[in-house]
Protein backbone atom coordinates (compact mmCIF):
# COMPACT_ATOMS: atom_id res chain seq x y z
CA MET A 1 -28.45 114.49 95.75
CA LYS A 2 -29.67 117.77 97.93
CA LYS A 3 -28.44 118.13 101.41
CA GLU A 4 -32.14 118.85 103.96
CA VAL A 5 -31.88 121.83 105.47
CA LYS A 6 -32.21 120.27 109.02
CA ASP A 7 -33.39 124.24 110.88
CA ILE A 8 -35.89 122.16 113.19
CA ARG A 9 -33.96 122.38 116.72
CA TYR A 10 -36.06 120.31 119.70
CA ASN A 11 -34.27 119.83 122.69
CA VAL A 12 -35.51 116.09 124.76
CA ARG A 13 -34.69 114.81 128.06
CA MET A 14 -34.97 110.94 127.52
CA THR A 15 -33.68 107.78 129.74
CA LYS A 16 -30.84 105.35 129.35
CA GLN A 17 -32.05 103.01 127.63
CA THR A 18 -33.73 105.66 125.00
CA PHE A 19 -30.50 106.54 125.05
CA ASP A 20 -29.19 103.22 124.10
CA ILE A 21 -31.81 102.28 121.93
CA VAL A 22 -31.40 105.67 119.73
CA ASP A 23 -27.20 105.54 119.64
CA SER A 24 -27.57 101.81 118.77
CA PHE A 25 -28.93 102.56 115.07
CA GLU A 26 -26.59 103.32 112.07
CA GLY A 27 -25.15 107.48 111.66
CA ASN A 28 -22.45 109.96 112.46
CA SER A 29 -23.88 112.03 115.17
CA PHE A 30 -26.65 111.35 117.44
CA THR A 31 -29.19 113.20 115.30
CA SER A 32 -28.38 111.07 112.31
CA LYS A 33 -29.12 108.02 114.17
CA PHE A 34 -31.98 109.10 116.10
CA GLU A 35 -33.09 110.15 112.42
CA THR A 36 -32.25 106.64 111.06
CA LEU A 37 -34.73 105.19 113.82
CA VAL A 38 -37.46 106.98 112.98
CA GLU A 39 -37.09 106.17 109.48
CA HIS A 40 -36.74 102.60 110.66
CA SER A 41 -39.79 102.79 112.67
CA TYR A 42 -42.34 104.64 110.08
CA ILE A 43 -40.72 102.14 107.06
CA GLU A 44 -41.35 98.79 109.49
CA LYS A 45 -45.21 100.27 110.74
CA ILE A 46 -45.88 100.11 107.87
CA ARG A 47 -45.33 96.87 106.95
CA ILE A 48 -46.83 96.24 109.50
CA ASP A 49 -49.55 97.63 108.53
CA THR A 50 -49.62 96.13 105.81
CA GLU A 51 -49.52 92.83 107.25
CA ILE A 52 -52.60 93.18 109.32
CA HIS A 53 -54.78 94.86 106.36
CA GLU A 54 -53.50 91.89 104.54
CA SER A 55 -54.55 89.11 107.10
CA GLN A 56 -57.87 90.89 108.21
CA MET A 57 -58.95 90.32 104.77
CA LYS A 58 -57.79 86.78 104.84
CA LEU A 59 -60.23 86.09 107.96
CA ASP A 60 -63.23 87.78 106.36
CA GLN A 61 -62.39 85.24 103.65
CA LEU A 62 -61.42 82.56 106.10
CA LYS A 63 -64.77 83.66 108.12
CA LYS A 64 -66.70 84.11 104.88
CA GLU A 65 -66.02 80.06 103.37
CA ILE A 66 -67.10 78.84 107.43
CA SER A 67 -70.15 80.18 106.63
CA GLU A 68 -70.51 79.54 103.45
CA MET A 69 -69.77 75.58 105.05
CA ARG A 70 -72.07 75.68 107.94
CA ASP A 71 -74.89 76.51 105.43
CA ILE A 72 -73.87 73.34 102.70
CA LYS A 73 -74.03 71.73 106.27
CA LYS A 74 -77.75 72.77 107.51
CA LYS A 75 -78.66 71.21 103.86
CA LEU A 76 -77.08 68.38 103.95
CA ASN A 77 -78.36 67.74 107.62
CA GLN A 78 -82.21 68.76 106.28
CA ILE A 79 -81.05 66.30 103.65
CA GLU A 80 -80.54 63.24 105.67
CA ARG A 81 -83.42 64.34 107.75
CA TYR A 82 -85.32 64.10 104.30
CA ILE A 83 -84.19 60.41 103.55
CA ASP A 84 -84.83 59.12 107.43
CA SER A 85 -87.79 60.15 106.79
CA ALA A 86 -89.28 58.31 103.08
CA ILE A 87 -86.98 54.85 105.18
CA TYR A 88 -88.80 54.89 107.48
CA SER A 89 -91.98 55.76 106.01
CA SER A 90 -91.79 53.32 103.87
CA GLN A 91 -91.24 50.39 106.56
């Protein structure tokens, strides 16, 4: 595998907490730990975005099913009124 050239230099100021988070990641240097953190965060973002999308699709399907069930309930209520009316009229 060809080693990637790291030609961007950037100095950053951060809190101790941020430093500790970066430092907790796997790597031989602060730069490699930071890269691991960024890659991990990016992969997690994609996973979470996918999960959100799938959940939204499920929610949309459930909303559709609820709407269909409400329509069925309205029709059943209407049938019940017709039957009650027919029974009342025949008495």
